[in-house]
Amino acid sequence: MELKIKNSPNTNARRQIQNTTQRFLKNNFVNPDSIVNVYFVSQSKIRDLNKKYRQIDKPTDVLSFPIWPKKSEIPKKGKIILGDIFLFLKPDQQENIAYLVEHSLNHLIGKHH
């Protein structure tokens, strides 16, 4: 597994993302060589992304952009990109990082609610 994390607020956040992602990939039998890109962004940036891609003109806490439409299409071997996760965290949401990342990872493997 490879994580590319941009603008992480702290080392603890990075550790939570790494642990959550490793556990998620293993528990969901997803290619262990997967690459996940995680970007911490501002409220205005996530609002712009939400408006552009979901036509919702308001901020949200997380957006996921999968590469593969369904889990069955994700290659089982080799280095592949699963997709991108964009996070906007308010100061009081630091403890929610693992939940938000797991929620996003579900979207990256084709699970939707």
C-alpha atoms as a PDB file:
ATOM      1  CA  MET A   1       0.000   0.000   0.000  1.00  0.00           C
ATOM      2  CA  GLU A   2       1.161   3.476  -0.784  1.00  0.00           C
ATOM      3  CA  LEU A   3      -0.365   6.623   0.649  1.00  0.00           C
ATOM      4  CA  LYS A   4       0.248  10.051  -0.743  1.00  0.00           C
ATOM      5  CA  ILE A   5      -0.936  12.559   1.834  1.00  0.00           C
ATOM      6  CA  LYS A   6      -0.840  16.280   1.079  1.00  0.00           C
ATOM      7  CA  ASN A   7      -1.173  19.026   3.702  1.00  0.00           C
ATOM      8  CA  SER A   8      -1.732  16.677   6.633  1.00  0.00           C
ATOM      9  CA  PRO A   9      -2.497  18.667   9.787  1.00  0.00           C
ATOM     10  CA  ASN A  10      -0.217  16.497  11.968  1.00  0.00           C
ATOM     11  CA  THR A  11       1.637  13.214  12.399  1.00  0.00           C
ATOM     12  CA  ASN A  12      -1.262  11.664  14.280  1.00  0.00           C
ATOM     13  CA  ALA A  13      -3.561  12.273  11.300  1.00  0.00           C
ATOM     14  CA  ARG A  14      -1.057  10.606   8.970  1.00  0.00           C
ATOM     15  CA  ARG A  15      -0.796   7.606  11.299  1.00  0.00           C
ATOM     16  CA  GLN A  16      -4.599   7.283  11.551  1.00  0.00           C
ATOM     17  CA  ILE A  17      -4.934   7.388   7.765  1.00  0.00           C
ATOM     18  CA  GLN A  18      -2.206   4.810   7.273  1.00  0.00           C
ATOM     19  CA  ASN A  19      -3.600   2.400   9.880  1.00  0.00           C
ATOM     20  CA  THR A  20      -7.168   2.785   8.654  1.00  0.00           C
ATOM     21  CA  THR A  21      -6.183   2.268   5.017  1.00  0.00           C
ATOM     22  CA  GLN A  22      -4.032  -0.808   5.693  1.00  0.00           C
ATOM     23  CA  ARG A  23      -6.762  -2.420   7.783  1.00  0.00           C
ATOM     24  CA  PHE A  24      -9.451  -1.536   5.236  1.00  0.00           C
ATOM     25  CA  LEU A  25      -7.554  -2.978   2.252  1.00  0.00           C
ATOM     26  CA  LYS A  26      -6.823  -6.203   4.141  1.00  0.00           C
ATOM     27  CA  ASN A  27     -10.360  -6.634   5.500  1.00  0.00           C
ATOM     28  CA  ASN A  28     -11.927  -5.959   2.094  1.00  0.00           C
ATOM     29  CA  PHE A  29      -9.474  -8.112   0.116  1.00  0.00           C
ATOM     30  CA  VAL A  30      -8.331  -5.191  -2.020  1.00  0.00           C
ATOM     31  CA  ASN A  31      -5.009  -5.171  -3.842  1.00  0.00           C
ATOM     32  CA  PRO A  32      -2.374  -4.548  -1.136  1.00  0.00           C
ATOM     33  CA  ASP A  33      -0.231  -2.597  -3.637  1.00  0.00           C
ATOM     34  CA  SER A  34      -2.957   0.018  -4.080  1.00  0.00           C
ATOM     35  CA  ILE A  35      -2.127   3.712  -4.063  1.00  0.00           C
ATOM     36  CA  VAL A  36      -4.479   6.143  -2.332  1.00  0.00           C
ATOM     37  CA  ASN A  37      -4.077   9.906  -2.587  1.00  0.00           C
ATOM     38  CA  VAL A  38      -5.358  11.927   0.386  1.00  0.00           C
ATOM     39  CA  TYR A  39      -5.554  15.716   0.246  1.00  0.00           C
ATOM     40  CA  PHE A  40      -6.383  17.964   3.171  1.00  0.00           C
ATOM     41  CA  VAL A  41      -8.012  21.056   1.679  1.00  0.00           C
ATOM     42  CA  SER A  42      -9.618  24.309   2.744  1.00  0.00           C
ATOM     43  CA  GLN A  43     -13.340  24.847   3.121  1.00  0.00           C
ATOM     44  CA  SER A  44     -13.446  26.927  -0.062  1.00  0.00           C
ATOM     45  CA  LYS A  45     -11.597  24.246  -2.052  1.00  0.00           C
ATOM     46  CA  ILE A  46     -13.912  21.436  -0.957  1.00  0.00           C
ATOM     47  CA  ARG A  47     -16.915  23.647  -1.666  1.00  0.00           C
ATOM     48  CA  ASP A  48     -15.599  24.291  -5.196  1.00  0.00           C
ATOM     49  CA  LEU A  49     -15.050  20.555  -5.761  1.00  0.00           C
ATOM     50  CA  ASN A  50     -18.501  19.716  -4.387  1.00  0.00           C
ATOM     51  CA  LYS A  51     -20.097  22.289  -6.674  1.00  0.00           C
ATOM     52  CA  LYS A  52     -18.141  21.200  -9.744  1.00  0.00           C
ATOM     53  CA  TYR A  53     -18.548  17.427  -9.386  1.00  0.00           C
ATOM     54  CA  ARG A  54     -21.770  17.020  -7.402  1.00  0.00           C
ATOM     55  CA  GLN A  55     -23.572  20.278  -8.258  1.00  0.00           C
ATOM     56  CA  ILE A  56     -23.963  21.006  -4.534  1.00  0.00           C
ATOM     57  CA  ASP A  57     -22.893  24.542  -3.688  1.00  0.00           C
ATOM     58  CA  LYS A  58     -21.837  24.017  -0.078  1.00  0.00           C
ATOM     59  CA  PRO A  59     -18.836  22.587   1.739  1.00  0.00           C
ATOM     60  CA  THR A  60     -18.684  18.992   2.897  1.00  0.00           C
ATOM     61  CA  ASP A  61     -16.205  17.125   5.049  1.00  0.00           C
ATOM     62  CA  VAL A  62     -15.052  14.539   2.500  1.00  0.00           C
ATOM     63  CA  LEU A  63     -15.171  13.754  -1.213  1.00  0.00           C
ATOM     64  CA  SER A  64     -13.993  10.583  -2.930  1.00  0.00           C
ATOM     65  CA  PHE A  65     -12.984  10.156  -6.561  1.00  0.00           C
ATOM     66  CA  PRO A  66     -12.569   6.481  -7.470  1.00  0.00           C
ATOM     67  CA  ILE A  67     -10.669   5.219 -10.499  1.00  0.00           C
ATOM     68  CA  TRP A  68     -12.536   1.913 -10.705  1.00  0.00           C
ATOM     69  CA  PRO A  69     -16.362   1.864 -10.967  1.00  0.00           C
ATOM     70  CA  LYS A  70     -16.706  -1.507  -9.197  1.00  0.00           C
ATOM     71  CA  LYS A  71     -14.614  -3.540  -6.796  1.00  0.00           C
ATOM     72  CA  SER A  72     -14.628  -6.456  -9.240  1.00  0.00           C
ATOM     73  CA  GLU A  73     -12.754  -4.260 -11.761  1.00  0.00           C
ATOM     74  CA  ILE A  74      -9.873  -3.435  -9.401  1.00  0.00           C
ATOM     75  CA  PRO A  75      -6.799  -5.424 -10.465  1.00  0.00           C
ATOM     76  CA  LYS A  76      -5.793  -7.951  -7.799  1.00  0.00           C
ATOM     77  CA  LYS A  77      -2.044  -7.509  -8.354  1.00  0.00           C
ATOM     78  CA  GLY A  78       0.370  -4.785  -9.311  1.00  0.00           C
ATOM     79  CA  LYS A  79       0.667  -1.172  -8.313  1.00  0.00           C
ATOM     80  CA  ILE A  80      -2.637   0.558  -9.081  1.00  0.00           C
ATOM     81  CA  ILE A  81      -4.282   3.801  -8.022  1.00  0.00           C
ATOM     82  CA  LEU A  82      -7.588   3.377  -6.191  1.00  0.00           C
ATOM     83  CA  GLY A  83      -8.435   7.062  -6.290  1.00  0.00           C
ATOM     84  CA  ASP A  84      -8.363  10.388  -4.483  1.00  0.00           C
ATOM     85  CA  ILE A  85      -9.810  11.463  -1.155  1.00  0.00           C
ATOM     86  CA  PHE A  86     -10.291  15.151  -0.298  1.00  0.00           C
ATOM     87  CA  LEU A  87     -10.804  16.043   3.367  1.00  0.00           C
ATOM     88  CA  PHE A  88     -11.852  19.291   4.983  1.00  0.00           C
ATOM     89  CA  LEU A  89     -11.570  19.057   8.755  1.00  0.00           C
ATOM     90  CA  LYS A  90     -12.872  21.556  11.224  1.00  0.00           C
ATOM     91  CA  PRO A  91     -10.683  21.764  14.351  1.00  0.00           C
ATOM     92  CA  ASP A  92     -13.143  19.643  16.345  1.00  0.00           C
ATOM     93  CA  GLN A  93     -13.176  16.859  13.719  1.00  0.00           C
ATOM     94  CA  GLN A  94      -9.645  15.545  14.260  1.00  0.00           C
ATOM     95  CA  GLU A  95     -11.002  12.447  15.993  1.00  0.00           C
ATOM     96  CA  ASN A  96     -13.190  11.665  12.950  1.00  0.00           C
ATOM     97  CA  ILE A  97     -10.331  11.164  10.500  1.00  0.00           C
ATOM     98  CA  ALA A  98     -10.424   7.351  10.631  1.00  0.00           C
ATOM     99  CA  TYR A  99     -14.207   7.309  10.102  1.00  0.00           C
ATOM    100  CA  LEU A 100     -14.024   9.746   7.169  1.00  0.00           C
ATOM    101  CA  VAL A 101     -11.178   7.853   5.510  1.00  0.00           C
ATOM    102  CA  GLU A 102     -12.935   4.501   5.883  1.00  0.00           C
ATOM    103  CA  HIS A 103     -16.133   6.016   4.482  1.00  0.00           C
ATOM    104  CA  SER A 104     -14.148   7.339   1.514  1.00  0.00           C
ATOM    105  CA  LEU A 105     -12.336   4.061   0.949  1.00  0.00           C
ATOM    106  CA  ASN A 106     -15.708   2.342   0.652  1.00  0.00           C
ATOM    107  CA  HIS A 107     -16.543   4.748  -2.168  1.00  0.00           C
ATOM    108  CA  LEU A 108     -13.173   4.063  -3.810  1.00  0.00           C
ATOM    109  CA  ILE A 109     -14.032   0.365  -4.047  1.00  0.00           C
ATOM    110  CA  GLY A 110     -17.531   0.974  -5.383  1.00  0.00           C
ATOM    111  CA  LYS A 111     -19.667   0.818  -2.235  1.00  0.00           C
ATOM    112  CA  HIS A 112     -22.218   3.615  -2.103  1.00  0.00           C
ATOM    113  CA  HIS A 113     -24.979   4.580   0.279  1.00  0.00           C
END
